[in-house]
Amino acid sequence: MGEDRMYQEVDSIDELYKIVEQCLEEYNQTHKTQMNLVIFRYVLEHLVRISRILKQPGGNALLVGVGGSGRQSLSRLAASIADFHVFQPEISKSYGLPEWREDIKVSGDSALNLW
């Protein structure tokens, strides 16, 4: 995945839908936790945005929305498409700057950090 995939213009939403369905199927085959996503136009638009950001050097985004809106799932799928691993720290009451620094060290350069 990742580097093998070339950035290509997609001529139609239907074509993009098929590509995303294949990527989701690949994700579900390679990860323990299955994602059962309903793919529709807005999902495709957001996934493309997230994917584009992740492929940029130093790309980062703050995704805002109500719980259950798919931010984390789409981020995980986009990370899989980009061939990144996902790092999600465990936040607790005692979590502070030293723990954050350690988590940044542990997560590595090719990780998508979900905070």
N, C-alpha and C. Protein backbone atom coordinates (compact mmCIF):
# COMPACT_ATOMS: atom_id res chain seq x y z
N MET A 1 0.83 -1.18 0.00
CA MET A 1 0.00 0.00 0.00
C MET A 1 0.88 1.25 0.00
N GLY A 2 0.39 2.32 0.59
CA GLY A 2 1.16 3.52 0.83
C GLY A 2 1.91 4.07 -0.35
N GLU A 3 3.23 3.84 -0.37
CA GLU A 3 4.08 4.41 -1.42
C GLU A 3 3.78 3.82 -2.79
N ASP A 4 3.22 2.60 -2.83
CA ASP A 4 2.88 1.98 -4.11
C ASP A 4 1.75 2.72 -4.80
N ARG A 5 0.89 3.31 -4.01
CA ARG A 5 -0.28 3.96 -4.56
C ARG A 5 0.07 5.35 -5.06
N MET A 6 -0.22 5.56 -6.29
CA MET A 6 0.05 6.85 -6.91
C MET A 6 -1.15 7.76 -6.69
N TYR A 7 -0.86 9.04 -6.57
CA TYR A 7 -1.94 10.02 -6.48
C TYR A 7 -2.51 10.15 -7.88
N GLN A 8 -3.78 9.83 -8.04
CA GLN A 8 -4.41 9.88 -9.34
C GLN A 8 -5.73 10.63 -9.25
N GLU A 9 -6.03 11.35 -10.30
CA GLU A 9 -7.34 11.99 -10.37
C GLU A 9 -8.38 10.92 -10.65
N VAL A 10 -9.46 10.97 -9.90
CA VAL A 10 -10.55 10.02 -10.10
C VAL A 10 -11.63 10.75 -10.88
N ASP A 11 -12.07 10.10 -11.94
CA ASP A 11 -13.01 10.75 -12.86
C ASP A 11 -14.44 10.82 -12.34
N SER A 12 -14.80 9.91 -11.45
CA SER A 12 -16.20 9.92 -10.99
C SER A 12 -16.27 9.47 -9.53
N ILE A 13 -17.34 9.85 -8.89
CA ILE A 13 -17.60 9.44 -7.52
C ILE A 13 -17.78 7.93 -7.47
N ASP A 14 -18.39 7.35 -8.50
CA ASP A 14 -18.59 5.90 -8.52
C ASP A 14 -17.25 5.15 -8.53
N GLU A 15 -16.31 5.67 -9.28
CA GLU A 15 -14.97 5.07 -9.33
C GLU A 15 -14.29 5.19 -7.96
N LEU A 16 -14.39 6.35 -7.34
CA LEU A 16 -13.82 6.57 -6.01
C LEU A 16 -14.47 5.63 -5.00
N TYR A 17 -15.78 5.47 -5.10
CA TYR A 17 -16.50 4.56 -4.21
C TYR A 17 -15.92 3.16 -4.29
N LYS A 18 -15.67 2.66 -5.49
CA LYS A 18 -15.12 1.31 -5.68
C LYS A 18 -13.72 1.21 -5.08
N ILE A 19 -12.90 2.23 -5.27
CA ILE A 19 -11.55 2.23 -4.72
C ILE A 19 -11.59 2.20 -3.20
N VAL A 20 -12.43 3.02 -2.61
CA VAL A 20 -12.54 3.09 -1.15
C VAL A 20 -13.08 1.78 -0.60
N GLU A 21 -14.03 1.17 -1.27
CA GLU A 21 -14.55 -0.14 -0.84
C GLU A 21 -13.42 -1.18 -0.83
N GLN A 22 -12.54 -1.16 -1.85
CA GLN A 22 -11.40 -2.08 -1.89
C GLN A 22 -10.44 -1.81 -0.73
N CYS A 23 -10.17 -0.53 -0.46
CA CYS A 23 -9.28 -0.15 0.64
C CYS A 23 -9.86 -0.60 1.98
N LEU A 24 -11.17 -0.44 2.15
CA LEU A 24 -11.82 -0.86 3.38
C LEU A 24 -11.75 -2.38 3.53
N GLU A 25 -11.94 -3.08 2.44
CA GLU A 25 -11.84 -4.55 2.47
C GLU A 25 -10.42 -4.99 2.84
N GLU A 26 -9.40 -4.32 2.27
CA GLU A 26 -8.00 -4.61 2.62
C GLU A 26 -7.75 -4.35 4.09
N TYR A 27 -8.28 -3.22 4.59
CA TYR A 27 -8.12 -2.89 6.01
C TYR A 27 -8.71 -4.00 6.87
N ASN A 28 -9.91 -4.42 6.56
CA ASN A 28 -10.59 -5.43 7.37
C ASN A 28 -9.88 -6.78 7.31
N GLN A 29 -9.18 -7.07 6.22
CA GLN A 29 -8.44 -8.32 6.11
C GLN A 29 -7.13 -8.28 6.88
N THR A 30 -6.58 -7.10 7.11
CA THR A 30 -5.26 -7.00 7.73
C THR A 30 -5.29 -6.51 9.17
N HIS A 31 -6.44 -6.18 9.71
CA HIS A 31 -6.53 -5.69 11.08
C HIS A 31 -7.50 -6.55 11.88
N LYS A 32 -7.19 -6.69 13.17
CA LYS A 32 -8.05 -7.49 14.06
C LYS A 32 -9.43 -6.86 14.21
N THR A 33 -9.46 -5.55 14.41
CA THR A 33 -10.72 -4.85 14.61
C THR A 33 -11.31 -4.49 13.24
N GLN A 34 -12.46 -5.04 12.95
CA GLN A 34 -13.13 -4.79 11.67
C GLN A 34 -13.86 -3.46 11.71
N MET A 35 -13.87 -2.77 10.59
CA MET A 35 -14.65 -1.54 10.46
C MET A 35 -15.79 -1.81 9.49
N ASN A 36 -16.99 -1.61 9.95
CA ASN A 36 -18.17 -1.74 9.10
C ASN A 36 -18.68 -0.34 8.82
N LEU A 37 -18.11 0.27 7.78
CA LEU A 37 -18.47 1.65 7.44
C LEU A 37 -19.49 1.69 6.32
N VAL A 38 -20.40 2.61 6.42
CA VAL A 38 -21.32 2.90 5.32
C VAL A 38 -20.67 4.02 4.52
N ILE A 39 -20.34 3.73 3.28
CA ILE A 39 -19.63 4.69 2.43
C ILE A 39 -20.66 5.49 1.63
N PHE A 40 -20.63 6.79 1.79
CA PHE A 40 -21.49 7.68 1.00
C PHE A 40 -20.67 8.92 0.65
N ARG A 41 -21.25 9.82 -0.09
CA ARG A 41 -20.50 10.93 -0.68
C ARG A 41 -19.68 11.73 0.34
N TYR A 42 -20.26 12.11 1.48
CA TYR A 42 -19.54 12.93 2.45
C TYR A 42 -18.39 12.14 3.09
N VAL A 43 -18.58 10.84 3.28
CA VAL A 43 -17.50 9.99 3.78
C VAL A 43 -16.34 10.02 2.78
N LEU A 44 -16.64 9.88 1.51
CA LEU A 44 -15.61 9.91 0.47
C LEU A 44 -14.87 11.25 0.48
N GLU A 45 -15.62 12.34 0.57
CA GLU A 45 -14.99 13.67 0.56
C GLU A 45 -14.07 13.85 1.75
N HIS A 46 -14.51 13.43 2.94
CA HIS A 46 -13.68 13.59 4.14
C HIS A 46 -12.47 12.66 4.10
N LEU A 47 -12.66 11.44 3.62
CA LEU A 47 -11.55 10.50 3.52
C LEU A 47 -10.47 11.03 2.57
N VAL A 48 -10.89 11.59 1.47
CA VAL A 48 -9.93 12.16 0.51
C VAL A 48 -9.16 13.32 1.15
N ARG A 49 -9.86 14.17 1.90
CA ARG A 49 -9.19 15.28 2.59
C ARG A 49 -8.16 14.78 3.59
N ILE A 50 -8.56 13.82 4.43
CA ILE A 50 -7.65 13.28 5.43
C ILE A 50 -6.46 12.61 4.77
N SER A 51 -6.71 11.84 3.74
CA SER A 51 -5.63 11.15 3.02
C SER A 51 -4.64 12.14 2.42
N ARG A 52 -5.16 13.21 1.84
CA ARG A 52 -4.30 14.22 1.23
C ARG A 52 -3.43 14.89 2.29
N ILE A 53 -3.99 15.17 3.45
CA ILE A 53 -3.23 15.79 4.54
C ILE A 53 -2.14 14.85 5.03
N LEU A 54 -2.47 13.58 5.22
CA LEU A 54 -1.50 12.62 5.73
C LEU A 54 -0.32 12.42 4.78
N LYS A 55 -0.56 12.52 3.49
CA LYS A 55 0.51 12.31 2.51
C LYS A 55 1.46 13.49 2.42
N GLN A 56 1.09 14.65 2.95
CA GLN A 56 1.97 15.81 2.92
C GLN A 56 3.02 15.67 4.02
N PRO A 57 4.25 16.09 3.76
CA PRO A 57 5.27 16.05 4.82
C PRO A 57 4.84 16.93 6.00
N GLY A 58 4.82 16.34 7.18
CA GLY A 58 4.41 17.09 8.37
C GLY A 58 2.94 17.41 8.41
N GLY A 59 2.14 16.76 7.58
CA GLY A 59 0.72 17.06 7.53
C GLY A 59 0.02 16.72 8.83
N ASN A 60 -0.86 17.59 9.27
CA ASN A 60 -1.63 17.33 10.48
C ASN A 60 -2.98 18.01 10.37
N ALA A 61 -3.94 17.50 11.14
CA ALA A 61 -5.29 18.05 11.09
C ALA A 61 -5.95 17.88 12.45
N LEU A 62 -6.84 18.76 12.76
CA LEU A 62 -7.68 18.64 13.94
C LEU A 62 -9.09 18.37 13.43
N LEU A 63 -9.58 17.17 13.70
CA LEU A 63 -10.91 16.79 13.23
C LEU A 63 -11.91 17.04 14.34
N VAL A 64 -12.93 17.83 14.04
CA VAL A 64 -13.91 18.23 15.04
C VAL A 64 -15.27 17.72 14.62
N GLY A 65 -16.01 17.18 15.57
CA GLY A 65 -17.35 16.70 15.28
C GLY A 65 -17.91 15.98 16.48
N VAL A 66 -19.18 15.63 16.40
CA VAL A 66 -19.82 14.93 17.50
C VAL A 66 -19.34 13.49 17.55
N GLY A 67 -19.44 12.88 18.72
CA GLY A 67 -19.04 11.50 18.88
C GLY A 67 -19.83 10.59 17.95
N GLY A 68 -19.15 9.60 17.39
CA GLY A 68 -19.81 8.66 16.50
C GLY A 68 -19.95 9.14 15.08
N SER A 69 -19.28 10.25 14.74
CA SER A 69 -19.41 10.79 13.38
C SER A 69 -18.38 10.19 12.42
N GLY A 70 -17.47 9.34 12.92
CA GLY A 70 -16.55 8.64 12.03
C GLY A 70 -15.16 9.24 11.91
N ARG A 71 -14.83 10.23 12.73
CA ARG A 71 -13.51 10.86 12.63
C ARG A 71 -12.40 9.82 12.81
N GLN A 72 -12.51 9.02 13.86
CA GLN A 72 -11.45 8.05 14.16
C GLN A 72 -11.39 6.94 13.10
N SER A 73 -12.53 6.45 12.68
CA SER A 73 -12.57 5.39 11.67
C SER A 73 -11.97 5.87 10.35
N LEU A 74 -12.35 7.06 9.91
CA LEU A 74 -11.80 7.57 8.65
C LEU A 74 -10.31 7.86 8.77
N SER A 75 -9.88 8.32 9.93
CA SER A 75 -8.44 8.56 10.15
C SER A 75 -7.68 7.25 10.10
N ARG A 76 -8.22 6.20 10.70
CA ARG A 76 -7.57 4.89 10.67
C ARG A 76 -7.52 4.34 9.24
N LEU A 77 -8.59 4.50 8.49
CA LEU A 77 -8.62 4.02 7.11
C LEU A 77 -7.62 4.81 6.26
N ALA A 78 -7.59 6.12 6.42
CA ALA A 78 -6.64 6.95 5.67
C ALA A 78 -5.20 6.58 6.02
N ALA A 79 -4.94 6.30 7.30
CA ALA A 79 -3.60 5.89 7.72
C ALA A 79 -3.23 4.56 7.09
N SER A 80 -4.17 3.65 7.01
CA SER A 80 -3.93 2.36 6.38
C SER A 80 -3.61 2.53 4.89
N ILE A 81 -4.35 3.40 4.24
CA ILE A 81 -4.11 3.66 2.82
C ILE A 81 -2.71 4.24 2.61
N ALA A 82 -2.27 5.11 3.54
CA ALA A 82 -0.95 5.73 3.45
C ALA A 82 0.16 4.83 3.98
N ASP A 83 -0.21 3.64 4.47
CA ASP A 83 0.73 2.68 5.03
C ASP A 83 1.40 3.21 6.30
N PHE A 84 0.64 3.94 7.11
CA PHE A 84 1.10 4.42 8.42
C PHE A 84 0.55 3.48 9.47
N HIS A 85 1.22 3.40 10.61
CA HIS A 85 0.62 2.70 11.74
C HIS A 85 -0.01 3.76 12.65
N VAL A 86 -1.01 3.35 13.38
CA VAL A 86 -1.75 4.28 14.23
C VAL A 86 -1.28 4.11 15.67
N PHE A 87 -1.00 5.23 16.32
CA PHE A 87 -0.62 5.23 17.73
C PHE A 87 -1.65 6.05 18.48
N GLN A 88 -2.27 5.43 19.48
CA GLN A 88 -3.26 6.14 20.28
C GLN A 88 -2.85 6.02 21.75
N PRO A 89 -2.39 7.12 22.35
CA PRO A 89 -1.93 7.06 23.74
C PRO A 89 -3.10 6.86 24.71
N GLU A 90 -2.77 6.30 25.86
CA GLU A 90 -3.76 6.13 26.92
C GLU A 90 -3.69 7.36 27.83
N ILE A 91 -4.71 8.17 27.82
CA ILE A 91 -4.75 9.39 28.61
C ILE A 91 -5.41 9.09 29.96
N SER A 92 -4.79 9.59 31.02
CA SER A 92 -5.34 9.40 32.37
C SER A 92 -5.25 10.73 33.12
N LYS A 93 -5.71 10.74 34.35
CA LYS A 93 -5.66 11.95 35.16
C LYS A 93 -4.23 12.40 35.41
N SER A 94 -3.32 11.43 35.50
CA SER A 94 -1.92 11.76 35.80
C SER A 94 -1.10 12.01 34.53
N TYR A 95 -1.74 11.99 33.37
CA TYR A 95 -1.02 12.21 32.10
C TYR A 95 -0.56 13.66 32.03
N GLY A 96 0.73 13.84 31.80
CA GLY A 96 1.28 15.18 31.74
C GLY A 96 2.34 15.32 30.67
N LEU A 97 3.11 16.38 30.73
CA LEU A 97 4.12 16.66 29.73
C LEU A 97 5.18 15.55 29.61
N PRO A 98 5.68 14.99 30.71
CA PRO A 98 6.66 13.91 30.56
C PRO A 98 6.09 12.69 29.82
N GLU A 99 4.84 12.33 30.11
CA GLU A 99 4.21 11.19 29.43
C GLU A 99 3.98 11.50 27.95
N TRP A 100 3.61 12.74 27.69
CA TRP A 100 3.41 13.16 26.30
C TRP A 100 4.71 13.05 25.51
N ARG A 101 5.81 13.53 26.09
CA ARG A 101 7.12 13.44 25.42
C ARG A 101 7.49 11.99 25.15
N GLU A 102 7.26 11.13 26.13
CA GLU A 102 7.57 9.71 25.95
C GLU A 102 6.70 9.09 24.86
N ASP A 103 5.43 9.44 24.82
CA ASP A 103 4.54 8.93 23.78
C ASP A 103 4.99 9.39 22.39
N ILE A 104 5.45 10.62 22.27
CA ILE A 104 5.94 11.13 20.98
C ILE A 104 7.17 10.32 20.54
N LYS A 105 8.06 10.01 21.48
CA LYS A 105 9.24 9.19 21.16
C LYS A 105 8.83 7.80 20.68
N VAL A 106 7.88 7.21 21.38
CA VAL A 106 7.46 5.84 21.10
C VAL A 106 6.71 5.75 19.77
N SER A 107 5.93 6.77 19.44
CA SER A 107 5.05 6.68 18.27
C SER A 107 5.81 6.62 16.95
N GLY A 108 6.97 7.25 16.86
CA GLY A 108 7.75 7.18 15.63
C GLY A 108 7.33 8.18 14.57
N ASP A 109 8.08 8.19 13.47
CA ASP A 109 7.85 9.17 12.40
C ASP A 109 6.70 8.80 11.48
N SER A 110 6.48 7.51 11.23
CA SER A 110 5.46 7.12 10.27
C SER A 110 4.19 6.68 10.99
N ALA A 111 3.83 7.42 12.03
CA ALA A 111 2.63 7.06 12.79
C ALA A 111 1.60 8.17 12.69
N LEU A 112 0.37 7.77 12.68
CA LEU A 112 -0.74 8.69 12.81
C LEU A 112 -1.10 8.69 14.28
N ASN A 113 -0.94 9.82 14.93
CA ASN A 113 -1.24 9.92 16.35
C ASN A 113 -2.67 10.37 16.55
N LEU A 114 -3.46 9.53 17.20
CA LEU A 114 -4.85 9.86 17.50
C LEU A 114 -4.93 10.32 18.95
N TRP A 115 -5.22 11.57 19.16
CA TRP A 115 -5.30 12.12 20.52
C TRP A 115 -6.73 12.37 20.86
